[in-house]
Amino acid sequence: MDGLKEVVQVSIKTNERDIEFTSFAGLNQIKQSLDGDVSSVVLTDEELEMMLCVKQRDKLASFFQSVLERKNAV
């Protein structure tokens, strides 16, 4: 049961579509239903963070810097 504490699931329903976000063990699934068609994508935490930074361009440079620092530390 301890693993279930790490699960995060959010559903958003609008007049146009349903969106479901599920996060567990470093993976994030985003699923969308629109007019009966369902599409989904699975992203790692790092990929999701990159997508969020693209939306907030001022954070993009610091994100890439942190990625380089993590890669060099390994």
C-alpha atoms as a PDB file:
ATOM      1  CA  MET A   1       0.000   0.000   0.000  1.00  0.00           C
ATOM      2  CA  ASP A   2       2.936   2.369   0.487  1.00  0.00           C
ATOM      3  CA  GLY A   3       3.377   2.614  -3.291  1.00  0.00           C
ATOM      4  CA  LEU A   4      -0.141   3.959  -3.690  1.00  0.00           C
ATOM      5  CA  LYS A   5       0.805   7.036  -1.687  1.00  0.00           C
ATOM      6  CA  GLU A   6       2.925   8.112  -4.675  1.00  0.00           C
ATOM      7  CA  VAL A   7       0.036   7.996  -7.165  1.00  0.00           C
ATOM      8  CA  VAL A   8      -1.453  11.308  -8.251  1.00  0.00           C
ATOM      9  CA  GLN A   9      -4.482  11.343 -10.520  1.00  0.00           C
ATOM     10  CA  VAL A  10      -6.412  14.378 -11.725  1.00  0.00           C
ATOM     11  CA  SER A  11      -9.406  14.407 -14.087  1.00  0.00           C
ATOM     12  CA  ILE A  12     -10.744  17.494 -15.823  1.00  0.00           C
ATOM     13  CA  LYS A  13     -14.037  17.390 -17.701  1.00  0.00           C
ATOM     14  CA  THR A  14     -15.249  20.233 -19.891  1.00  0.00           C
ATOM     15  CA  ASN A  15     -18.011  20.517 -22.461  1.00  0.00           C
ATOM     16  CA  GLU A  16     -15.493  19.692 -25.196  1.00  0.00           C
ATOM     17  CA  ARG A  17     -13.187  17.014 -23.777  1.00  0.00           C
ATOM     18  CA  ASP A  18     -12.026  14.919 -20.838  1.00  0.00           C
ATOM     19  CA  ILE A  19      -8.401  15.082 -19.705  1.00  0.00           C
ATOM     20  CA  GLU A  20      -6.865  12.662 -17.224  1.00  0.00           C
ATOM     21  CA  PHE A  21      -3.411  13.106 -15.704  1.00  0.00           C
ATOM     22  CA  THR A  22      -1.814  10.222 -13.785  1.00  0.00           C
ATOM     23  CA  SER A  23       1.618  10.357 -12.156  1.00  0.00           C
ATOM     24  CA  PHE A  24       3.344   7.339 -10.594  1.00  0.00           C
ATOM     25  CA  ALA A  25       6.960   6.285 -10.077  1.00  0.00           C
ATOM     26  CA  GLY A  26       8.462   9.063 -12.207  1.00  0.00           C
ATOM     27  CA  LEU A  27       6.141   8.538 -15.175  1.00  0.00           C
ATOM     28  CA  ASN A  28       3.284  10.818 -16.162  1.00  0.00           C
ATOM     29  CA  GLN A  29       0.408   9.806 -18.417  1.00  0.00           C
ATOM     30  CA  ILE A  30      -1.788  12.421 -20.037  1.00  0.00           C
ATOM     31  CA  LYS A  31      -4.921  11.000 -21.665  1.00  0.00           C
ATOM     32  CA  GLN A  32      -7.468  13.018 -23.629  1.00  0.00           C
ATOM     33  CA  SER A  33     -10.922  12.034 -24.887  1.00  0.00           C
ATOM     34  CA  LEU A  34     -12.466  14.206 -27.572  1.00  0.00           C
ATOM     35  CA  ASP A  35     -15.575  13.202 -29.515  1.00  0.00           C
ATOM     36  CA  GLY A  36     -15.007   9.511 -28.731  1.00  0.00           C
ATOM     37  CA  ASP A  37     -11.344   9.511 -29.835  1.00  0.00           C
ATOM     38  CA  VAL A  38      -8.808   8.806 -27.093  1.00  0.00           C
ATOM     39  CA  SER A  39      -5.140   9.739 -27.269  1.00  0.00           C
ATOM     40  CA  SER A  40      -2.466   9.521 -24.612  1.00  0.00           C
ATOM     41  CA  VAL A  41       1.210  10.140 -24.010  1.00  0.00           C
ATOM     42  CA  VAL A  42       3.562   8.971 -21.264  1.00  0.00           C
ATOM     43  CA  LEU A  43       6.370  11.315 -20.185  1.00  0.00           C
ATOM     44  CA  THR A  44       9.145  11.009 -17.632  1.00  0.00           C
ATOM     45  CA  ASP A  45       9.328  13.660 -14.921  1.00  0.00           C
ATOM     46  CA  GLU A  46      12.213  15.298 -16.804  1.00  0.00           C
ATOM     47  CA  GLU A  47      10.271  15.394 -20.093  1.00  0.00           C
ATOM     48  CA  LEU A  48       7.224  16.856 -18.362  1.00  0.00           C
ATOM     49  CA  GLU A  49       9.378  19.501 -16.699  1.00  0.00           C
ATOM     50  CA  MET A  50      10.830  20.408 -20.108  1.00  0.00           C
ATOM     51  CA  MET A  51       7.342  20.820 -21.584  1.00  0.00           C
ATOM     52  CA  LEU A  52       6.320  23.091 -18.702  1.00  0.00           C
ATOM     53  CA  CYS A  53       9.469  25.171 -19.202  1.00  0.00           C
ATOM     54  CA  VAL A  54       8.669  25.651 -22.888  1.00  0.00           C
ATOM     55  CA  LYS A  55       5.415  27.256 -21.771  1.00  0.00           C
ATOM     56  CA  GLN A  56       7.337  29.453 -19.327  1.00  0.00           C
ATOM     57  CA  ARG A  57      10.272  30.438 -21.534  1.00  0.00           C
ATOM     58  CA  ASP A  58      12.051  32.355 -18.777  1.00  0.00           C
ATOM     59  CA  LYS A  59      12.620  29.033 -16.949  1.00  0.00           C
ATOM     60  CA  LEU A  60      13.892  27.140 -20.006  1.00  0.00           C
ATOM     61  CA  ALA A  61      17.553  28.160 -19.677  1.00  0.00           C
ATOM     62  CA  SER A  62      17.749  27.188 -16.010  1.00  0.00           C
ATOM     63  CA  PHE A  63      16.092  23.844 -16.781  1.00  0.00           C
ATOM     64  CA  PHE A  64      18.693  22.949 -19.418  1.00  0.00           C
ATOM     65  CA  GLN A  65      21.462  24.076 -17.072  1.00  0.00           C
ATOM     66  CA  SER A  66      20.150  21.727 -14.361  1.00  0.00           C
ATOM     67  CA  VAL A  67      19.990  18.849 -16.879  1.00  0.00           C
ATOM     68  CA  LEU A  68      23.618  19.437 -17.856  1.00  0.00           C
ATOM     69  CA  GLU A  69      24.667  19.570 -14.211  1.00  0.00           C
ATOM     70  CA  ARG A  70      22.909  16.256 -13.481  1.00  0.00           C
ATOM     71  CA  LYS A  71      24.469  14.588 -16.537  1.00  0.00           C
ATOM     72  CA  ASN A  72      27.953  15.824 -15.597  1.00  0.00           C
ATOM     73  CA  ALA A  73      27.524  14.637 -12.001  1.00  0.00           C
ATOM     74  CA  VAL A  74      26.987  11.039 -13.130  1.00  0.00           C
END
